[in-house]
Amino acid sequence: MKVWITASRKNGRVFYDVKAGSDGEGAAINGEARDLLRATYLKPLRDAESELTPKKGSRLSQILYNHDVFEDEENHELLKIMSQTNKDIEEYFTEHDGKELLEDVNTYLDDFSIENNKLSSRFNVSDNSLKSVLERLSLKLFNQSVSENNNQGLGSHNLLYIAAELLLLKKSNYQGLKLGLIEEIEAHLHPQTQIRLIEAIQKISEENKIQFILTTHSTSLASKVKLKNLVLCKDGCLYPMGKEHTKLREGDYLFLERFLDSTKSNLFFANGVILVEGMLKIFCYLLLPKN
């Protein structure tokens, strides 16, 4: 099956249609089919730390809310935990040191209220909906040398954000499309960390049958993508580099992966190559074009 998306701009707004079928025309697909085509998208200018902190509509709460673990909204274990927490907090402000604070607040409210509409208050953590509970959660970095995440950089938070987003793609019983779209995956990352990340992404992809489409400006990261995972796009045509699509032998893949790195790849794509040895010969070859 092929899927097409067409978009047009009218009066400053974008309108799009999604069609599917075996021919060039296709037919409009229903809502259920569209839901199976959902993809996980990470925009380039992502504020990873902000997205993983407690707030209404946080990205973290959306990820968790759509996970299978939180499918039972009415009787989830977290609701029982929060219910007990609210009881403990209410008890603290009615029977312990916080009692005087709550009484002062309610005294002020009583003074502010009209006679037939007396107001009062109580302290609690959250209401009783699962979504509200999840919006109170945060995801923080922790390691053996740094107990709090205040000293962690943007790169570390970018890794944490990617790890959280992968929760949506790692679904064992999901029959829909497992597709991750990540722009500028190398954002704020050291080259060594970039290499470690792309190697891990490829391993996750193979183990969980997830497809990733990545954009990057990093030659270090791009050079570490396995040839079998590449699809070349040229003149409107696609050329997958998997073994079943090429005439390359196993040894050819090993050879190319060895030399197609960020320093040697120019040898394969240059119109001509001059190999020199020693600094003196370099200066001599620089004079050749002038002569």
C-alpha atoms as a PDB file:
ATOM      1  CA  MET A   1       0.000   0.000   0.000  1.00  0.00           C
ATOM      2  CA  LYS A   2       1.162   3.519  -0.817  1.00  0.00           C
ATOM      3  CA  VAL A   3       0.255   6.615   1.178  1.00  0.00           C
ATOM      4  CA  TRP A   4       0.242  10.158  -0.218  1.00  0.00           C
ATOM      5  CA  ILE A   5      -0.056  13.434   1.594  1.00  0.00           C
ATOM      6  CA  THR A   6      -0.795  16.556  -0.424  1.00  0.00           C
ATOM      7  CA  ALA A   7      -0.866  20.057   1.024  1.00  0.00           C
ATOM      8  CA  SER A   8      -1.929  23.452  -0.261  1.00  0.00           C
ATOM      9  CA  ARG A   9      -1.772  26.930   1.195  1.00  0.00           C
ATOM     10  CA  LYS A  10      -4.831  29.184   1.072  1.00  0.00           C
ATOM     11  CA  ASN A  11      -5.276  32.542   2.822  1.00  0.00           C
ATOM     12  CA  GLY A  12      -2.305  31.875   5.048  1.00  0.00           C
ATOM     13  CA  ARG A  13      -3.569  28.441   6.132  1.00  0.00           C
ATOM     14  CA  VAL A  14      -2.334  24.972   5.157  1.00  0.00           C
ATOM     15  CA  PHE A  15      -4.834  22.313   4.089  1.00  0.00           C
ATOM     16  CA  TYR A  16      -3.774  18.713   3.526  1.00  0.00           C
ATOM     17  CA  ASP A  17      -5.264  15.408   2.376  1.00  0.00           C
ATOM     18  CA  VAL A  18      -4.035  11.908   3.156  1.00  0.00           C
ATOM     19  CA  LYS A  19      -4.855   9.188   0.640  1.00  0.00           C
ATOM     20  CA  ALA A  20      -3.835   5.561   0.293  1.00  0.00           C
ATOM     21  CA  GLY A  21      -4.098   2.804  -2.302  1.00  0.00           C
ATOM     22  CA  SER A  22      -2.204   0.833  -4.915  1.00  0.00           C
ATOM     23  CA  ASP A  23      -2.650   3.274  -7.788  1.00  0.00           C
ATOM     24  CA  GLY A  24      -1.587   6.866  -8.317  1.00  0.00           C
ATOM     25  CA  GLU A  25      -4.906   8.314  -7.152  1.00  0.00           C
ATOM     26  CA  GLY A  26      -5.765   6.476  -3.981  1.00  0.00           C
ATOM     27  CA  ALA A  27      -8.708   7.082  -1.668  1.00  0.00           C
ATOM     28  CA  ALA A  28      -9.166   9.075   1.522  1.00  0.00           C
ATOM     29  CA  ILE A  29      -8.421   7.020   4.640  1.00  0.00           C
ATOM     30  CA  ASN A  30     -10.573   6.992   7.764  1.00  0.00           C
ATOM     31  CA  GLY A  31      -9.629   8.090  11.275  1.00  0.00           C
ATOM     32  CA  GLU A  32      -8.695   4.609  12.482  1.00  0.00           C
ATOM     33  CA  ALA A  33      -6.255   4.124   9.613  1.00  0.00           C
ATOM     34  CA  ARG A  34      -4.777   7.586  10.211  1.00  0.00           C
ATOM     35  CA  ASP A  35      -4.194   6.686  13.844  1.00  0.00           C
ATOM     36  CA  LEU A  36      -2.135   3.664  12.771  1.00  0.00           C
ATOM     37  CA  LEU A  37       0.051   5.972  10.675  1.00  0.00           C
ATOM     38  CA  ARG A  38       1.021   8.219  13.578  1.00  0.00           C
ATOM     39  CA  ALA A  39       4.751   8.940  13.924  1.00  0.00           C
ATOM     40  CA  THR A  40       6.868  10.267  16.792  1.00  0.00           C
ATOM     41  CA  TYR A  41       8.456  13.609  15.862  1.00  0.00           C
ATOM     42  CA  LEU A  42      11.262  15.459  17.638  1.00  0.00           C
ATOM     43  CA  LYS A  43      11.642  19.020  16.399  1.00  0.00           C
ATOM     44  CA  PRO A  44      15.142  20.510  16.038  1.00  0.00           C
ATOM     45  CA  LEU A  45      14.884  23.374  18.558  1.00  0.00           C
ATOM     46  CA  ARG A  46      13.586  21.201  21.381  1.00  0.00           C
ATOM     47  CA  ASP A  47      13.759  22.447  24.972  1.00  0.00           C
ATOM     48  CA  ALA A  48      14.365  19.033  26.484  1.00  0.00           C
ATOM     49  CA  GLU A  49      14.538  20.179  30.111  1.00  0.00           C
ATOM     50  CA  SER A  50      11.322  22.197  29.869  1.00  0.00           C
ATOM     51  CA  GLU A  51       9.394  19.366  28.187  1.00  0.00           C
ATOM     52  CA  LEU A  52      10.216  16.942  31.008  1.00  0.00           C
ATOM     53  CA  THR A  53       9.271  19.201  33.932  1.00  0.00           C
ATOM     54  CA  PRO A  54       5.850  19.266  35.651  1.00  0.00           C
ATOM     55  CA  LYS A  55       3.322  21.514  33.905  1.00  0.00           C
ATOM     56  CA  LYS A  56      -0.070  21.307  32.299  1.00  0.00           C
ATOM     57  CA  GLY A  57       0.104  19.537  28.959  1.00  0.00           C
ATOM     58  CA  SER A  58       3.791  18.646  29.354  1.00  0.00           C
ATOM     59  CA  ARG A  59       5.290  16.391  26.717  1.00  0.00           C
ATOM     60  CA  LEU A  60       6.238  13.873  29.402  1.00  0.00           C
ATOM     61  CA  SER A  61       2.610  13.568  30.546  1.00  0.00           C
ATOM     62  CA  GLN A  62       1.497  13.039  26.924  1.00  0.00           C
ATOM     63  CA  ILE A  63       4.059  10.278  26.423  1.00  0.00           C
ATOM     64  CA  LEU A  64       3.039   8.474  29.598  1.00  0.00           C
ATOM     65  CA  TYR A  65      -0.692   8.991  29.064  1.00  0.00           C
ATOM     66  CA  ASN A  66      -0.513   7.314  25.644  1.00  0.00           C
ATOM     67  CA  HIS A  67       1.513   4.349  26.902  1.00  0.00           C
ATOM     68  CA  ASP A  68      -0.096   0.953  27.468  1.00  0.00           C
ATOM     69  CA  VAL A  69       0.930   1.008  31.143  1.00  0.00           C
ATOM     70  CA  PHE A  70      -1.567   3.834  31.791  1.00  0.00           C
ATOM     71  CA  GLU A  71      -4.419   2.378  29.768  1.00  0.00           C
ATOM     72  CA  ASP A  72      -6.622   1.823  32.856  1.00  0.00           C
ATOM     73  CA  GLU A  73      -7.510   5.422  33.760  1.00  0.00           C
ATOM     74  CA  GLU A  74     -10.128   4.623  36.400  1.00  0.00           C
ATOM     75  CA  ASN A  75      -8.278   2.156  38.617  1.00  0.00           C
ATOM     76  CA  HIS A  76      -4.611   2.836  38.026  1.00  0.00           C
ATOM     77  CA  GLU A  77      -2.227   2.263  40.924  1.00  0.00           C
ATOM     78  CA  LEU A  78      -0.964   5.846  40.724  1.00  0.00           C
ATOM     79  CA  LEU A  79      -4.459   7.131  41.560  1.00  0.00           C
ATOM     80  CA  LYS A  80      -4.449   5.073  44.761  1.00  0.00           C
ATOM     81  CA  ILE A  81      -1.021   6.441  45.658  1.00  0.00           C
ATOM     82  CA  MET A  82      -2.114  10.044  45.054  1.00  0.00           C
ATOM     83  CA  SER A  83      -5.344   9.509  46.978  1.00  0.00           C
ATOM     84  CA  GLN A  84      -3.383   8.370  50.013  1.00  0.00           C
ATOM     85  CA  THR A  85      -0.920  11.247  49.560  1.00  0.00           C
ATOM     86  CA  ASN A  86      -3.761  13.764  49.542  1.00  0.00           C
ATOM     87  CA  LYS A  87      -5.170  12.242  52.724  1.00  0.00           C
ATOM     88  CA  ASP A  88      -1.783  12.561  54.444  1.00  0.00           C
ATOM     89  CA  ILE A  89      -1.399  16.173  53.292  1.00  0.00           C
ATOM     90  CA  GLU A  90      -4.908  17.061  54.406  1.00  0.00           C
ATOM     91  CA  GLU A  91      -4.214  15.494  57.792  1.00  0.00           C
ATOM     92  CA  TYR A  92      -1.004  17.529  58.149  1.00  0.00           C
ATOM     93  CA  PHE A  93      -2.879  20.789  57.550  1.00  0.00           C
ATOM     94  CA  THR A  94      -5.761  19.887  59.879  1.00  0.00           C
ATOM     95  CA  GLU A  95      -4.066  18.099  62.765  1.00  0.00           C
ATOM     96  CA  HIS A  96      -0.364  18.995  62.746  1.00  0.00           C
ATOM     97  CA  ASP A  97       1.941  22.027  62.268  1.00  0.00           C
ATOM     98  CA  GLY A  98       0.143  23.167  59.122  1.00  0.00           C
ATOM     99  CA  LYS A  99      -3.197  23.534  60.911  1.00  0.00           C
ATOM    100  CA  GLU A 100      -2.610  27.184  61.824  1.00  0.00           C
ATOM    101  CA  LEU A 101      -1.715  28.076  58.204  1.00  0.00           C
ATOM    102  CA  LEU A 102      -4.909  26.599  56.809  1.00  0.00           C
ATOM    103  CA  GLU A 103      -6.989  28.241  59.532  1.00  0.00           C
ATOM    104  CA  ASP A 104      -5.466  31.644  58.677  1.00  0.00           C
ATOM    105  CA  VAL A 105      -6.218  31.203  54.966  1.00  0.00           C
ATOM    106  CA  ASN A 106      -9.816  30.184  55.694  1.00  0.00           C
ATOM    107  CA  THR A 107     -10.242  33.079  58.106  1.00  0.00           C
ATOM    108  CA  TYR A 108      -9.220  35.511  55.375  1.00  0.00           C
ATOM    109  CA  LEU A 109     -11.543  33.785  52.907  1.00  0.00           C
ATOM    110  CA  ASP A 110     -14.383  34.033  55.372  1.00  0.00           C
ATOM    111  CA  ASP A 111     -13.775  37.780  55.695  1.00  0.00           C
ATOM    112  CA  PHE A 112     -13.709  38.132  51.915  1.00  0.00           C
ATOM    113  CA  SER A 113     -16.882  36.091  51.296  1.00  0.00           C
ATOM    114  CA  ILE A 114     -20.445  37.335  51.179  1.00  0.00           C
ATOM    115  CA  GLU A 115     -22.908  35.947  53.713  1.00  0.00           C
ATOM    116  CA  ASN A 116     -24.688  33.430  51.490  1.00  0.00           C
ATOM    117  CA  ASN A 117     -21.529  32.194  49.736  1.00  0.00           C
ATOM    118  CA  LYS A 118     -18.891  31.350  52.325  1.00  0.00           C
ATOM    119  CA  LEU A 119     -15.590  30.142  50.868  1.00  0.00           C
ATOM    120  CA  SER A 120     -13.092  27.705  52.368  1.00  0.00           C
ATOM    121  CA  SER A 121     -10.004  25.846  51.156  1.00  0.00           C
ATOM    122  CA  ARG A 122      -7.803  22.829  51.703  1.00  0.00           C
ATOM    123  CA  PHE A 123      -4.345  21.739  50.560  1.00  0.00           C
ATOM    124  CA  ASN A 124      -3.795  18.837  48.188  1.00  0.00           C
ATOM    125  CA  VAL A 125      -1.359  17.708  45.501  1.00  0.00           C
ATOM    126  CA  SER A 126      -3.648  16.984  42.575  1.00  0.00           C
ATOM    127  CA  ASP A 127      -7.176  16.180  41.539  1.00  0.00           C
ATOM    128  CA  ASN A 128      -8.244  12.597  41.005  1.00  0.00           C
ATOM    129  CA  SER A 129      -7.697  12.261  37.238  1.00  0.00           C
ATOM    130  CA  LEU A 130      -4.784  10.218  35.914  1.00  0.00           C
ATOM    131  CA  LYS A 131      -3.858  12.910  33.395  1.00  0.00           C
ATOM    132  CA  SER A 132      -3.536  15.486  36.163  1.00  0.00           C
ATOM    133  CA  VAL A 133      -1.319  13.142  38.172  1.00  0.00           C
ATOM    134  CA  LEU A 134       0.972  12.568  35.177  1.00  0.00           C
ATOM    135  CA  GLU A 135       1.257  16.328  34.626  1.00  0.00           C
ATOM    136  CA  ARG A 136       2.791  16.580  38.109  1.00  0.00           C
ATOM    137  CA  LEU A 137       5.621  14.180  37.228  1.00  0.00           C
ATOM    138  CA  SER A 138       9.109  15.143  36.102  1.00  0.00           C
ATOM    139  CA  LEU A 139      11.936  13.102  34.613  1.00  0.00           C
ATOM    140  CA  LYS A 140      15.353  14.090  35.913  1.00  0.00           C
ATOM    141  CA  LEU A 141      18.893  13.003  35.210  1.00  0.00           C
ATOM    142  CA  PHE A 142      20.925  11.225  37.846  1.00  0.00           C
ATOM    143  CA  ASN A 143      24.342   9.594  37.902  1.00  0.00           C
ATOM    144  CA  GLN A 144      26.873   8.464  40.470  1.00  0.00           C
ATOM    145  CA  SER A 145      28.901  11.687  40.478  1.00  0.00           C
ATOM    146  CA  VAL A 146      26.070  14.251  40.243  1.00  0.00           C
ATOM    147  CA  SER A 147      23.159  13.737  42.614  1.00  0.00           C
ATOM    148  CA  GLU A 148      21.036  16.481  41.042  1.00  0.00           C
ATOM    149  CA  ASN A 149      20.573  17.445  37.437  1.00  0.00           C
ATOM    150  CA  ASN A 150      21.354  21.154  37.884  1.00  0.00           C
ATOM    151  CA  ASN A 151      24.870  20.698  36.496  1.00  0.00           C
ATOM    152  CA  GLN A 152      23.850  18.631  33.488  1.00  0.00           C
ATOM    153  CA  GLY A 153      24.211  20.251  30.090  1.00  0.00           C
ATOM    154  CA  LEU A 154      21.838  20.635  27.147  1.00  0.00           C
ATOM    155  CA  GLY A 155      23.335  17.567  25.476  1.00  0.00           C
ATOM    156  CA  SER A 156      22.535  15.312  28.427  1.00  0.00           C
ATOM    157  CA  HIS A 157      18.955  16.602  28.538  1.00  0.00           C
ATOM    158  CA  ASN A 158      18.675  15.994  24.789  1.00  0.00           C
ATOM    159  CA  LEU A 159      19.598  12.337  25.386  1.00  0.00           C
ATOM    160  CA  LEU A 160      17.030  12.093  28.174  1.00  0.00           C
ATOM    161  CA  TYR A 161      14.346  13.582  25.927  1.00  0.00           C
ATOM    162  CA  ILE A 162      15.112  11.117  23.120  1.00  0.00           C
ATOM    163  CA  ALA A 163      15.002   8.228  25.594  1.00  0.00           C
ATOM    164  CA  ALA A 164      11.575   9.363  26.838  1.00  0.00           C
ATOM    165  CA  GLU A 165      10.196   9.707  23.317  1.00  0.00           C
ATOM    166  CA  LEU A 166      11.288   6.161  22.491  1.00  0.00           C
ATOM    167  CA  LEU A 167       8.758   4.904  25.039  1.00  0.00           C
ATOM    168  CA  LEU A 168       5.992   5.606  22.511  1.00  0.00           C
ATOM    169  CA  LEU A 169       7.729   3.584  19.803  1.00  0.00           C
ATOM    170  CA  LYS A 170       8.567   0.531  21.898  1.00  0.00           C
ATOM    171  CA  LYS A 171       5.121  -1.074  21.898  1.00  0.00           C
ATOM    172  CA  SER A 172       5.080  -4.870  21.802  1.00  0.00           C
ATOM    173  CA  ASN A 173       1.462  -5.373  20.702  1.00  0.00           C
ATOM    174  CA  TYR A 174       1.133  -2.291  18.505  1.00  0.00           C
ATOM    175  CA  GLN A 175       0.074  -3.034  14.905  1.00  0.00           C
ATOM    176  CA  GLY A 176       0.552   0.473  13.526  1.00  0.00           C
ATOM    177  CA  LEU A 177       3.517   2.315  12.066  1.00  0.00           C
ATOM    178  CA  LYS A 178       6.620   2.482  14.266  1.00  0.00           C
ATOM    179  CA  LEU A 179       8.336   5.534  12.840  1.00  0.00           C
ATOM    180  CA  GLY A 180      10.550   8.072  14.581  1.00  0.00           C
ATOM    181  CA  LEU A 181      11.351  11.417  12.937  1.00  0.00           C
ATOM    182  CA  ILE A 182      14.249  13.219  14.620  1.00  0.00           C
ATOM    183  CA  GLU A 183      15.635  16.516  13.346  1.00  0.00           C
ATOM    184  CA  GLU A 184      19.218  17.450  14.185  1.00  0.00           C
ATOM    185  CA  ILE A 185      19.700  14.457  16.450  1.00  0.00           C
ATOM    186  CA  GLU A 186      23.222  15.647  17.287  1.00  0.00           C
ATOM    187  CA  ALA A 187      22.013  18.837  19.041  1.00  0.00           C
ATOM    188  CA  HIS A 188      24.414  19.910  21.829  1.00  0.00           C
ATOM    189  CA  LEU A 189      26.228  16.547  21.785  1.00  0.00           C
ATOM    190  CA  HIS A 190      29.982  15.896  21.803  1.00  0.00           C
ATOM    191  CA  PRO A 191      31.156  13.927  18.704  1.00  0.00           C
ATOM    192  CA  GLN A 192      31.958  10.868  20.829  1.00  0.00           C
ATOM    193  CA  THR A 193      28.469  10.966  22.331  1.00  0.00           C
ATOM    194  CA  GLN A 194      26.985  11.380  18.841  1.00  0.00           C
ATOM    195  CA  ILE A 195      28.675   8.156  17.732  1.00  0.00           C
ATOM    196  CA  ARG A 196      27.468   6.309  20.830  1.00  0.00           C
ATOM    197  CA  LEU A 197      23.931   7.611  20.230  1.00  0.00           C
ATOM    198  CA  ILE A 198      23.684   6.567  16.568  1.00  0.00           C
ATOM    199  CA  GLU A 199      25.040   3.109  17.391  1.00  0.00           C
ATOM    200  CA  ALA A 200      22.414   2.728  20.121  1.00  0.00           C
ATOM    201  CA  ILE A 201      19.626   4.025  17.836  1.00  0.00           C
ATOM    202  CA  GLN A 202      20.509   1.420  15.207  1.00  0.00           C
ATOM    203  CA  LYS A 203      20.494  -1.352  17.819  1.00  0.00           C
ATOM    204  CA  ILE A 204      17.101  -0.220  19.143  1.00  0.00           C
ATOM    205  CA  SER A 205      15.760  -0.078  15.595  1.00  0.00           C
ATOM    206  CA  GLU A 206      16.758  -3.675  14.861  1.00  0.00           C
ATOM    207  CA  GLU A 207      15.572  -5.113  18.168  1.00  0.00           C
ATOM    208  CA  ASN A 208      12.169  -3.378  18.187  1.00  0.00           C
ATOM    209  CA  LYS A 209      11.421  -3.156  14.443  1.00  0.00           C
ATOM    210  CA  ILE A 210      11.390   0.661  14.530  1.00  0.00           C
ATOM    211  CA  GLN A 211      12.207   2.838  11.529  1.00  0.00           C
ATOM    212  CA  PHE A 212      14.018   6.128  12.076  1.00  0.00           C
ATOM    213  CA  ILE A 213      14.356   9.038   9.679  1.00  0.00           C
ATOM    214  CA  LEU A 214      17.060  11.398  10.936  1.00  0.00           C
ATOM    215  CA  THR A 215      18.488  14.715   9.814  1.00  0.00           C
ATOM    216  CA  THR A 216      21.959  15.776  10.882  1.00  0.00           C
ATOM    217  CA  HIS A 217      24.751  18.229  10.094  1.00  0.00           C
ATOM    218  CA  SER A 218      27.307  15.989  11.812  1.00  0.00           C
ATOM    219  CA  THR A 219      29.701  14.086   9.557  1.00  0.00           C
ATOM    220  CA  SER A 220      30.899  12.096  12.581  1.00  0.00           C
ATOM    221  CA  LEU A 221      27.392  10.827  13.259  1.00  0.00           C
ATOM    222  CA  ALA A 222      26.430  10.220   9.629  1.00  0.00           C
ATOM    223  CA  SER A 223      29.605   8.234   8.935  1.00  0.00           C
ATOM    224  CA  LYS A 224      28.690   5.706  11.651  1.00  0.00           C
ATOM    225  CA  VAL A 225      25.352   4.712  10.111  1.00  0.00           C
ATOM    226  CA  LYS A 226      25.606   1.148   8.796  1.00  0.00           C
ATOM    227  CA  LEU A 227      25.395   0.896   5.011  1.00  0.00           C
ATOM    228  CA  LYS A 228      22.511  -1.575   5.199  1.00  0.00           C
ATOM    229  CA  ASN A 229      20.480   1.070   7.054  1.00  0.00           C
ATOM    230  CA  LEU A 230      20.955   3.756   4.414  1.00  0.00           C
ATOM    231  CA  VAL A 231      18.550   4.706   1.643  1.00  0.00           C
ATOM    232  CA  LEU A 232      20.057   7.010  -0.962  1.00  0.00           C
ATOM    233  CA  CYS A 233      17.732   9.601  -2.535  1.00  0.00           C
ATOM    234  CA  LYS A 234      18.743  10.905  -5.984  1.00  0.00           C
ATOM    235  CA  ASP A 235      16.699  12.496  -8.785  1.00  0.00           C
ATOM    236  CA  GLY A 236      13.398  11.408  -7.271  1.00  0.00           C
ATOM    237  CA  CYS A 237      14.481   7.761  -6.908  1.00  0.00           C
ATOM    238  CA  LEU A 238      15.280   5.723  -3.799  1.00  0.00           C
ATOM    239  CA  TYR A 239      18.195   3.298  -3.588  1.00  0.00           C
ATOM    240  CA  PRO A 240      18.195   1.117  -0.435  1.00  0.00           C
ATOM    241  CA  MET A 241      21.639  -0.149   0.498  1.00  0.00           C
ATOM    242  CA  GLY A 242      20.524  -3.355   2.222  1.00  0.00           C
ATOM    243  CA  LYS A 243      22.113  -6.625   1.124  1.00  0.00           C
ATOM    244  CA  GLU A 244      18.954  -7.785  -0.623  1.00  0.00           C
ATOM    245  CA  HIS A 245      18.933  -4.646  -2.809  1.00  0.00           C
ATOM    246  CA  THR A 246      22.575  -4.485  -3.971  1.00  0.00           C
ATOM    247  CA  LYS A 247      25.200  -6.696  -5.584  1.00  0.00           C
ATOM    248  CA  LEU A 248      27.723  -5.998  -2.843  1.00  0.00           C
ATOM    249  CA  ARG A 249      29.320  -8.943  -1.071  1.00  0.00           C
ATOM    250  CA  GLU A 250      29.810  -9.191   2.693  1.00  0.00           C
ATOM    251  CA  GLY A 251      33.445  -8.182   2.300  1.00  0.00           C
ATOM    252  CA  ASP A 252      32.430  -5.132   0.267  1.00  0.00           C
ATOM    253  CA  TYR A 253      30.249  -3.880   3.119  1.00  0.00           C
ATOM    254  CA  LEU A 254      33.081  -4.337   5.623  1.00  0.00           C
ATOM    255  CA  PHE A 255      35.490  -2.496   3.333  1.00  0.00           C
ATOM    256  CA  LEU A 256      33.169   0.422   2.662  1.00  0.00           C
ATOM    257  CA  GLU A 257      32.144   0.817   6.308  1.00  0.00           C
ATOM    258  CA  ARG A 258      35.824   0.925   7.218  1.00  0.00           C
ATOM    259  CA  PHE A 259      36.682   3.715   4.806  1.00  0.00           C
ATOM    260  CA  LEU A 260      33.428   5.713   4.578  1.00  0.00           C
ATOM    261  CA  ASP A 261      34.139   7.793   7.652  1.00  0.00           C
ATOM    262  CA  SER A 262      34.342  11.535   8.172  1.00  0.00           C
ATOM    263  CA  THR A 263      38.005  11.694   7.072  1.00  0.00           C
ATOM    264  CA  LYS A 264      38.346   9.153   4.220  1.00  0.00           C
ATOM    265  CA  SER A 265      34.962   9.407   2.491  1.00  0.00           C
ATOM    266  CA  ASN A 266      36.163  12.212   0.194  1.00  0.00           C
ATOM    267  CA  LEU A 267      38.306   9.606  -1.590  1.00  0.00           C
ATOM    268  CA  PHE A 268      35.171   7.891  -2.894  1.00  0.00           C
ATOM    269  CA  PHE A 269      33.341  10.998  -4.086  1.00  0.00           C
ATOM    270  CA  ALA A 270      36.136  13.153  -5.486  1.00  0.00           C
ATOM    271  CA  ASN A 271      36.580  13.645  -9.252  1.00  0.00           C
ATOM    272  CA  GLY A 272      40.302  13.056  -8.794  1.00  0.00           C
ATOM    273  CA  VAL A 273      42.661  12.164  -5.961  1.00  0.00           C
ATOM    274  CA  ILE A 274      46.345  12.952  -5.414  1.00  0.00           C
ATOM    275  CA  LEU A 275      48.037  11.030  -2.607  1.00  0.00           C
ATOM    276  CA  VAL A 276      51.050  12.772  -1.043  1.00  0.00           C
ATOM    277  CA  GLU A 277      53.567  11.814   1.614  1.00  0.00           C
ATOM    278  CA  GLY A 278      55.328  14.317   3.805  1.00  0.00           C
ATOM    279  CA  MET A 279      54.940  18.060   4.211  1.00  0.00           C
ATOM    280  CA  LEU A 280      57.410  19.010   1.439  1.00  0.00           C
ATOM    281  CA  LYS A 281      55.446  17.078  -1.212  1.00  0.00           C
ATOM    282  CA  ILE A 282      52.228  18.775  -0.091  1.00  0.00           C
ATOM    283  CA  PHE A 283      53.723  22.180  -0.936  1.00  0.00           C
ATOM    284  CA  CYS A 284      54.955  20.843  -4.283  1.00  0.00           C
ATOM    285  CA  TYR A 285      51.512  19.575  -5.250  1.00  0.00           C
ATOM    286  CA  LEU A 286      49.984  22.910  -4.311  1.00  0.00           C
ATOM    287  CA  LEU A 287      52.101  24.490  -7.060  1.00  0.00           C
ATOM    288  CA  LEU A 288      50.971  22.004  -9.758  1.00  0.00           C
ATOM    289  CA  PRO A 289      47.667  23.758 -10.641  1.00  0.00           C
ATOM    290  CA  LYS A 290      49.557  27.026 -11.204  1.00  0.00           C
ATOM    291  CA  ASN A 291      51.856  25.378 -13.734  1.00  0.00           C
END
